[in-house]
């Protein structure tokens, strides 16, 4: 029996598409905050519960297995003393991945950076492994 997307997966996909319309890609933490409509405190912080984070993480992993989105982490976005780097995975749809990859290839060609070429190759390999067609 095939199962459709649950409400958390549907909400995650809507959030990612909303961020893409703003020409940005969200992190796991941003998605969890938007899915559960967590309000910011007076300091601008959002406090996501562990259960909310885990539910979103599982939903995102399921969407990635289906080839609907891809997650990656290019740079460390958190302090080196904070071990929660999984909160910093960025997520995008296949359409945004195609556009992003074209932009990155142009920049890489200009810089001729071996490090970026390796990262782009890993990104393409991962995308193809989940069924995305980026070329």
N, C-alpha and C. Protein backbone atom coordinates (compact mmCIF):
# COMPACT_ATOMS: atom_id res chain seq x y z
N UNK A 1 0.84 -1.17 0.00
CA UNK A 1 0.00 0.00 0.00
C UNK A 1 0.89 1.24 0.00
N UNK A 2 0.62 2.13 -0.91
CA UNK A 2 1.35 3.40 -0.96
C UNK A 2 0.68 4.39 -0.04
N UNK A 3 1.54 5.15 0.61
CA UNK A 3 1.02 6.19 1.48
C UNK A 3 1.41 7.53 0.91
N UNK A 4 0.50 8.47 1.00
CA UNK A 4 0.78 9.82 0.54
C UNK A 4 1.59 10.58 1.58
N UNK A 5 1.78 11.83 1.30
CA UNK A 5 2.52 12.67 2.23
C UNK A 5 1.64 12.99 3.44
N UNK A 6 2.25 12.98 4.62
CA UNK A 6 1.55 13.38 5.83
C UNK A 6 1.49 14.89 5.93
N UNK A 7 0.83 15.39 6.96
CA UNK A 7 0.66 16.83 7.06
C UNK A 7 1.98 17.55 7.30
N UNK A 8 2.90 16.92 8.02
CA UNK A 8 4.19 17.58 8.27
C UNK A 8 4.99 17.67 6.97
N UNK A 9 4.98 16.60 6.16
CA UNK A 9 5.68 16.65 4.87
C UNK A 9 5.06 17.71 3.96
N UNK A 10 3.75 17.75 3.91
CA UNK A 10 3.09 18.76 3.07
C UNK A 10 3.45 20.16 3.53
N UNK A 11 3.44 20.37 4.84
CA UNK A 11 3.78 21.70 5.37
C UNK A 11 5.24 22.04 5.08
N UNK A 12 6.13 21.07 5.22
CA UNK A 12 7.55 21.31 4.92
C UNK A 12 7.73 21.73 3.47
N UNK A 13 7.07 21.04 2.57
CA UNK A 13 7.18 21.38 1.15
C UNK A 13 6.65 22.78 0.87
N UNK A 14 5.54 23.14 1.49
CA UNK A 14 5.00 24.50 1.32
C UNK A 14 5.97 25.55 1.85
N UNK A 15 6.58 25.28 2.99
CA UNK A 15 7.53 26.23 3.59
C UNK A 15 8.75 26.40 2.68
N UNK A 16 9.28 25.30 2.18
CA UNK A 16 10.46 25.38 1.30
C UNK A 16 10.12 26.18 0.05
N UNK A 17 8.96 25.93 -0.54
CA UNK A 17 8.55 26.68 -1.73
C UNK A 17 8.36 28.16 -1.42
N UNK A 18 7.85 28.48 -0.23
CA UNK A 18 7.69 29.88 0.18
C UNK A 18 9.05 30.56 0.27
N UNK A 19 10.01 29.90 0.88
CA UNK A 19 11.35 30.47 1.00
C UNK A 19 12.00 30.62 -0.38
N UNK A 20 11.76 29.66 -1.28
CA UNK A 20 12.34 29.74 -2.62
C UNK A 20 11.77 30.92 -3.40
N UNK A 21 10.50 31.22 -3.20
CA UNK A 21 9.92 32.40 -3.86
C UNK A 21 10.61 33.68 -3.40
N UNK A 22 11.14 33.67 -2.18
CA UNK A 22 11.89 34.81 -1.65
C UNK A 22 13.37 34.72 -2.04
N UNK A 23 13.69 33.75 -2.91
CA UNK A 23 15.05 33.53 -3.41
C UNK A 23 16.03 33.16 -2.29
N UNK A 24 15.57 32.37 -1.35
CA UNK A 24 16.40 31.88 -0.26
C UNK A 24 16.13 30.40 -0.07
N UNK A 25 17.00 29.73 0.67
CA UNK A 25 16.71 28.35 1.03
C UNK A 25 16.78 28.22 2.54
N UNK A 26 15.79 27.55 3.11
CA UNK A 26 15.69 27.47 4.56
C UNK A 26 16.54 26.35 5.16
N UNK A 27 16.84 26.49 6.44
CA UNK A 27 17.49 25.42 7.18
C UNK A 27 16.41 24.57 7.84
N UNK A 28 16.81 23.44 8.37
CA UNK A 28 15.89 22.57 9.08
C UNK A 28 15.20 23.34 10.21
N UNK A 29 15.97 24.15 10.90
CA UNK A 29 15.44 24.92 12.02
C UNK A 29 14.39 25.93 11.55
N UNK A 30 14.67 26.63 10.43
CA UNK A 30 13.69 27.57 9.87
C UNK A 30 12.39 26.86 9.50
N UNK A 31 12.53 25.71 8.88
CA UNK A 31 11.35 24.96 8.44
C UNK A 31 10.52 24.54 9.65
N UNK A 32 11.18 24.02 10.69
CA UNK A 32 10.45 23.60 11.89
C UNK A 32 9.70 24.78 12.50
N UNK A 33 10.34 25.92 12.56
CA UNK A 33 9.69 27.11 13.12
C UNK A 33 8.47 27.52 12.32
N UNK A 34 8.57 27.45 10.99
CA UNK A 34 7.45 27.83 10.14
C UNK A 34 6.33 26.79 10.17
N UNK A 35 6.70 25.52 10.14
CA UNK A 35 5.68 24.45 10.15
C UNK A 35 4.84 24.52 11.42
N UNK A 36 5.50 24.69 12.55
CA UNK A 36 4.78 24.72 13.82
C UNK A 36 4.40 26.14 14.25
N UNK A 37 4.63 27.11 13.38
CA UNK A 37 4.24 28.51 13.60
C UNK A 37 4.73 29.01 14.97
N UNK A 38 6.01 28.74 15.23
CA UNK A 38 6.61 29.17 16.50
C UNK A 38 6.92 30.65 16.40
N UNK A 39 6.40 31.40 17.34
CA UNK A 39 6.61 32.85 17.36
C UNK A 39 7.99 33.18 17.93
N UNK A 40 8.53 34.28 17.49
CA UNK A 40 9.83 34.74 18.01
C UNK A 40 9.62 35.43 19.35
N UNK A 41 10.61 35.26 20.24
CA UNK A 41 10.53 35.95 21.52
C UNK A 41 11.02 37.39 21.35
N UNK A 42 11.13 38.13 22.45
CA UNK A 42 11.50 39.55 22.36
C UNK A 42 12.91 39.75 21.81
N UNK A 43 13.75 38.71 21.87
CA UNK A 43 15.11 38.79 21.33
C UNK A 43 15.20 38.30 19.90
N UNK A 44 14.08 37.89 19.34
CA UNK A 44 14.06 37.40 17.96
C UNK A 44 14.35 35.93 17.81
N UNK A 45 14.43 35.19 18.91
CA UNK A 45 14.73 33.76 18.86
C UNK A 45 13.44 32.94 18.77
N UNK A 46 13.55 31.80 18.13
CA UNK A 46 12.46 30.83 18.09
C UNK A 46 12.89 29.64 18.91
N UNK A 47 12.02 29.14 19.74
CA UNK A 47 12.34 27.98 20.57
C UNK A 47 11.54 26.78 20.08
N UNK A 48 12.23 25.92 19.35
CA UNK A 48 11.63 24.71 18.77
C UNK A 48 11.84 23.57 19.75
N UNK A 49 10.79 22.80 20.01
CA UNK A 49 10.96 21.64 20.91
C UNK A 49 11.68 20.52 20.16
N UNK A 50 12.26 19.62 20.92
CA UNK A 50 12.96 18.49 20.33
C UNK A 50 11.99 17.65 19.49
N UNK A 51 10.79 17.43 19.99
CA UNK A 51 9.79 16.64 19.26
C UNK A 51 9.43 17.30 17.92
N UNK A 52 9.28 18.61 17.93
CA UNK A 52 8.97 19.33 16.69
C UNK A 52 10.12 19.20 15.70
N UNK A 53 11.34 19.37 16.19
CA UNK A 53 12.51 19.27 15.33
C UNK A 53 12.62 17.87 14.71
N UNK A 54 12.45 16.83 15.53
CA UNK A 54 12.58 15.45 15.05
C UNK A 54 11.49 15.15 14.02
N UNK A 55 10.27 15.60 14.25
CA UNK A 55 9.19 15.36 13.30
C UNK A 55 9.51 16.01 11.95
N UNK A 56 10.03 17.23 11.97
CA UNK A 56 10.37 17.92 10.72
C UNK A 56 11.56 17.25 10.05
N UNK A 57 12.55 16.87 10.83
CA UNK A 57 13.73 16.20 10.27
C UNK A 57 13.32 14.91 9.56
N UNK A 58 12.46 14.12 10.18
CA UNK A 58 11.99 12.88 9.56
C UNK A 58 11.18 13.16 8.30
N UNK A 59 10.35 14.18 8.36
CA UNK A 59 9.54 14.53 7.18
C UNK A 59 10.45 14.96 6.03
N UNK A 60 11.47 15.76 6.32
CA UNK A 60 12.40 16.20 5.28
C UNK A 60 13.18 15.03 4.70
N UNK A 61 13.60 14.11 5.56
CA UNK A 61 14.32 12.93 5.07
C UNK A 61 13.42 12.09 4.16
N UNK A 62 12.14 11.97 4.51
CA UNK A 62 11.20 11.24 3.68
C UNK A 62 11.00 11.91 2.33
N UNK A 63 10.88 13.23 2.33
CA UNK A 63 10.74 13.98 1.07
C UNK A 63 11.99 13.83 0.22
N UNK A 64 13.14 13.80 0.87
CA UNK A 64 14.38 13.63 0.11
C UNK A 64 14.47 12.23 -0.49
N UNK A 65 14.07 11.21 0.26
CA UNK A 65 14.07 9.84 -0.29
C UNK A 65 13.17 9.74 -1.51
N UNK A 66 12.08 10.51 -1.51
CA UNK A 66 11.15 10.51 -2.65
C UNK A 66 11.66 11.36 -3.80
N UNK A 67 12.76 12.09 -3.60
CA UNK A 67 13.32 12.93 -4.65
C UNK A 67 12.60 14.26 -4.81
N UNK A 68 11.79 14.65 -3.84
CA UNK A 68 11.05 15.91 -3.93
C UNK A 68 11.91 17.11 -3.55
N UNK A 69 12.86 16.90 -2.61
CA UNK A 69 13.75 17.97 -2.16
C UNK A 69 15.14 17.37 -1.97
N UNK A 70 16.11 18.26 -1.78
CA UNK A 70 17.47 17.82 -1.46
C UNK A 70 17.99 18.71 -0.35
N UNK A 71 18.71 18.09 0.57
CA UNK A 71 19.30 18.82 1.69
C UNK A 71 20.81 18.73 1.63
N UNK A 72 21.47 19.79 2.03
CA UNK A 72 22.93 19.81 2.01
C UNK A 72 23.43 20.87 2.99
N UNK A 73 24.70 20.78 3.28
CA UNK A 73 25.35 21.77 4.15
C UNK A 73 26.68 22.10 3.51
N UNK A 74 26.82 23.33 3.05
CA UNK A 74 28.06 23.73 2.39
C UNK A 74 29.07 24.31 3.36
N UNK A 75 28.61 25.12 4.25
CA UNK A 75 29.50 25.76 5.22
C UNK A 75 28.91 25.57 6.61
N UNK A 76 29.75 25.66 7.60
CA UNK A 76 29.28 25.57 8.98
C UNK A 76 28.60 26.89 9.31
N UNK A 77 27.32 26.84 9.58
CA UNK A 77 26.54 28.05 9.82
C UNK A 77 26.41 28.37 11.31
N UNK A 78 26.88 27.50 12.16
CA UNK A 78 26.77 27.73 13.60
C UNK A 78 28.16 27.87 14.19
N UNK A 79 28.20 28.32 15.40
CA UNK A 79 29.45 28.47 16.13
C UNK A 79 30.17 27.13 16.24
N UNK A 80 31.50 27.12 16.15
CA UNK A 80 32.25 25.85 16.29
C UNK A 80 32.03 25.18 17.64
N UNK A 81 31.60 25.93 18.65
CA UNK A 81 31.36 25.34 19.96
C UNK A 81 29.99 24.71 20.08
N UNK A 82 29.12 24.96 19.10
CA UNK A 82 27.77 24.42 19.12
C UNK A 82 27.73 23.18 18.23
N UNK A 83 27.48 22.04 18.79
CA UNK A 83 27.52 20.79 18.05
C UNK A 83 26.30 20.49 17.22
N UNK A 84 25.28 21.38 17.21
CA UNK A 84 24.03 21.07 16.52
C UNK A 84 24.07 21.49 15.06
N UNK A 85 25.04 21.01 14.30
CA UNK A 85 25.16 21.43 12.91
C UNK A 85 24.05 20.88 12.04
N UNK A 86 23.37 19.82 12.48
CA UNK A 86 22.28 19.29 11.66
C UNK A 86 21.16 20.29 11.49
N UNK A 87 21.09 21.27 12.37
CA UNK A 87 20.08 22.31 12.24
C UNK A 87 20.35 23.20 11.04
N UNK A 88 21.53 23.10 10.48
CA UNK A 88 21.96 24.01 9.42
C UNK A 88 21.93 23.40 8.03
N UNK A 89 21.31 22.25 7.88
CA UNK A 89 21.13 21.73 6.53
C UNK A 89 20.19 22.67 5.79
N UNK A 90 20.52 22.95 4.56
CA UNK A 90 19.67 23.77 3.71
C UNK A 90 18.87 22.84 2.81
N UNK A 91 17.66 23.25 2.47
CA UNK A 91 16.77 22.39 1.69
C UNK A 91 16.26 23.16 0.49
N UNK A 92 16.11 22.45 -0.64
CA UNK A 92 15.55 23.07 -1.84
C UNK A 92 14.88 22.01 -2.71
N UNK A 93 13.98 22.48 -3.56
CA UNK A 93 13.30 21.60 -4.50
C UNK A 93 14.19 21.36 -5.70
N UNK A 94 13.77 20.43 -6.55
CA UNK A 94 14.55 20.11 -7.74
C UNK A 94 14.69 21.33 -8.65
N UNK A 95 13.61 22.11 -8.83
CA UNK A 95 13.67 23.29 -9.70
C UNK A 95 14.69 24.30 -9.18
N UNK A 96 14.69 24.53 -7.88
CA UNK A 96 15.65 25.48 -7.29
C UNK A 96 17.07 24.91 -7.36
N UNK A 97 17.21 23.59 -7.22
CA UNK A 97 18.53 22.96 -7.29
C UNK A 97 19.14 23.14 -8.67
N UNK A 98 18.32 23.04 -9.71
CA UNK A 98 18.82 23.24 -11.08
C UNK A 98 19.34 24.67 -11.24
N UNK A 99 18.56 25.63 -10.77
CA UNK A 99 18.97 27.03 -10.87
C UNK A 99 20.21 27.30 -10.03
N UNK A 100 20.23 26.79 -8.79
CA UNK A 100 21.37 27.00 -7.90
C UNK A 100 22.64 26.40 -8.48
N UNK A 101 22.52 25.19 -9.04
CA UNK A 101 23.68 24.51 -9.60
C UNK A 101 24.26 25.30 -10.77
N UNK A 102 23.40 25.85 -11.63
CA UNK A 102 23.88 26.67 -12.75
C UNK A 102 24.63 27.90 -12.23
N UNK A 103 24.09 28.54 -11.19
CA UNK A 103 24.76 29.70 -10.59
C UNK A 103 26.12 29.32 -10.01
N UNK A 104 26.16 28.22 -9.28
CA UNK A 104 27.41 27.77 -8.66
C UNK A 104 28.45 27.38 -9.70
N UNK A 105 28.01 26.73 -10.78
CA UNK A 105 28.97 26.33 -11.82
C UNK A 105 29.59 27.55 -12.48
N UNK A 106 28.80 28.60 -12.67
CA UNK A 106 29.32 29.83 -13.26
C UNK A 106 30.35 30.47 -12.33
N UNK A 107 30.04 30.53 -11.05
CA UNK A 107 30.98 31.10 -10.08
C UNK A 107 32.24 30.24 -9.98
N UNK A 108 32.06 28.92 -9.96
CA UNK A 108 33.20 28.01 -9.86
C UNK A 108 34.10 28.15 -11.07
N UNK A 109 33.50 28.29 -12.25
CA UNK A 109 34.29 28.45 -13.46
C UNK A 109 35.12 29.72 -13.37
N UNK A 110 34.52 30.76 -12.81
CA UNK A 110 35.22 32.04 -12.68
C UNK A 110 36.36 31.94 -11.68
N UNK A 111 36.11 31.30 -10.54
CA UNK A 111 37.12 31.18 -9.49
C UNK A 111 38.10 30.04 -9.73
N UNK A 112 37.64 29.02 -10.44
CA UNK A 112 38.40 27.78 -10.65
C UNK A 112 38.87 27.19 -9.33
N UNK A 113 37.98 27.09 -8.42
CA UNK A 113 38.26 26.56 -7.09
C UNK A 113 38.04 25.05 -7.08
N UNK A 114 39.09 24.32 -6.77
CA UNK A 114 38.98 22.86 -6.71
C UNK A 114 38.04 22.40 -5.62
N UNK A 115 38.02 23.12 -4.50
CA UNK A 115 37.15 22.75 -3.38
C UNK A 115 35.69 22.84 -3.78
N UNK A 116 35.32 23.91 -4.47
CA UNK A 116 33.92 24.07 -4.91
C UNK A 116 33.56 23.04 -5.96
N UNK A 117 34.48 22.72 -6.84
CA UNK A 117 34.18 21.71 -7.86
C UNK A 117 33.89 20.36 -7.22
N UNK A 118 34.65 20.02 -6.18
CA UNK A 118 34.40 18.77 -5.45
C UNK A 118 33.03 18.80 -4.78
N UNK A 119 32.68 19.92 -4.16
CA UNK A 119 31.38 20.03 -3.50
C UNK A 119 30.23 19.94 -4.49
N UNK A 120 30.38 20.59 -5.63
CA UNK A 120 29.34 20.52 -6.65
C UNK A 120 29.19 19.10 -7.18
N UNK A 121 30.30 18.41 -7.36
CA UNK A 121 30.24 17.03 -7.83
C UNK A 121 29.51 16.15 -6.82
N UNK A 122 29.77 16.35 -5.53
CA UNK A 122 29.06 15.58 -4.49
C UNK A 122 27.57 15.91 -4.49
N UNK A 123 27.25 17.19 -4.68
CA UNK A 123 25.85 17.62 -4.71
C UNK A 123 25.12 16.93 -5.88
N UNK A 124 25.72 16.94 -7.05
CA UNK A 124 25.12 16.32 -8.23
C UNK A 124 24.97 14.82 -8.02
N UNK A 125 25.98 14.20 -7.45
CA UNK A 125 25.92 12.76 -7.20
C UNK A 125 24.77 12.43 -6.24
N UNK A 126 24.63 13.20 -5.19
CA UNK A 126 23.55 12.98 -4.22
C UNK A 126 22.19 13.20 -4.88
N UNK A 127 22.06 14.26 -5.68
CA UNK A 127 20.80 14.55 -6.35
C UNK A 127 20.40 13.42 -7.30
N UNK A 128 21.35 12.93 -8.04
CA UNK A 128 21.06 11.83 -8.98
C UNK A 128 20.70 10.55 -8.22
N UNK A 129 21.32 10.33 -7.06
CA UNK A 129 21.03 9.14 -6.28
C UNK A 129 19.60 9.10 -5.77
N UNK A 130 19.00 10.30 -5.55
CA UNK A 130 17.61 10.34 -5.07
C UNK A 130 16.62 10.52 -6.21
N UNK A 131 17.13 10.53 -7.45
CA UNK A 131 16.24 10.57 -8.60
C UNK A 131 16.02 11.93 -9.23
N UNK A 132 16.77 12.94 -8.81
CA UNK A 132 16.62 14.27 -9.43
C UNK A 132 17.38 14.31 -10.75
N UNK A 133 16.84 15.04 -11.69
CA UNK A 133 17.47 15.22 -13.00
C UNK A 133 17.93 16.66 -13.09
N UNK A 134 19.22 16.88 -12.87
CA UNK A 134 19.74 18.24 -12.82
C UNK A 134 20.36 18.69 -14.14
N UNK A 135 20.57 17.77 -15.05
CA UNK A 135 21.21 18.17 -16.32
C UNK A 135 20.21 18.35 -17.44
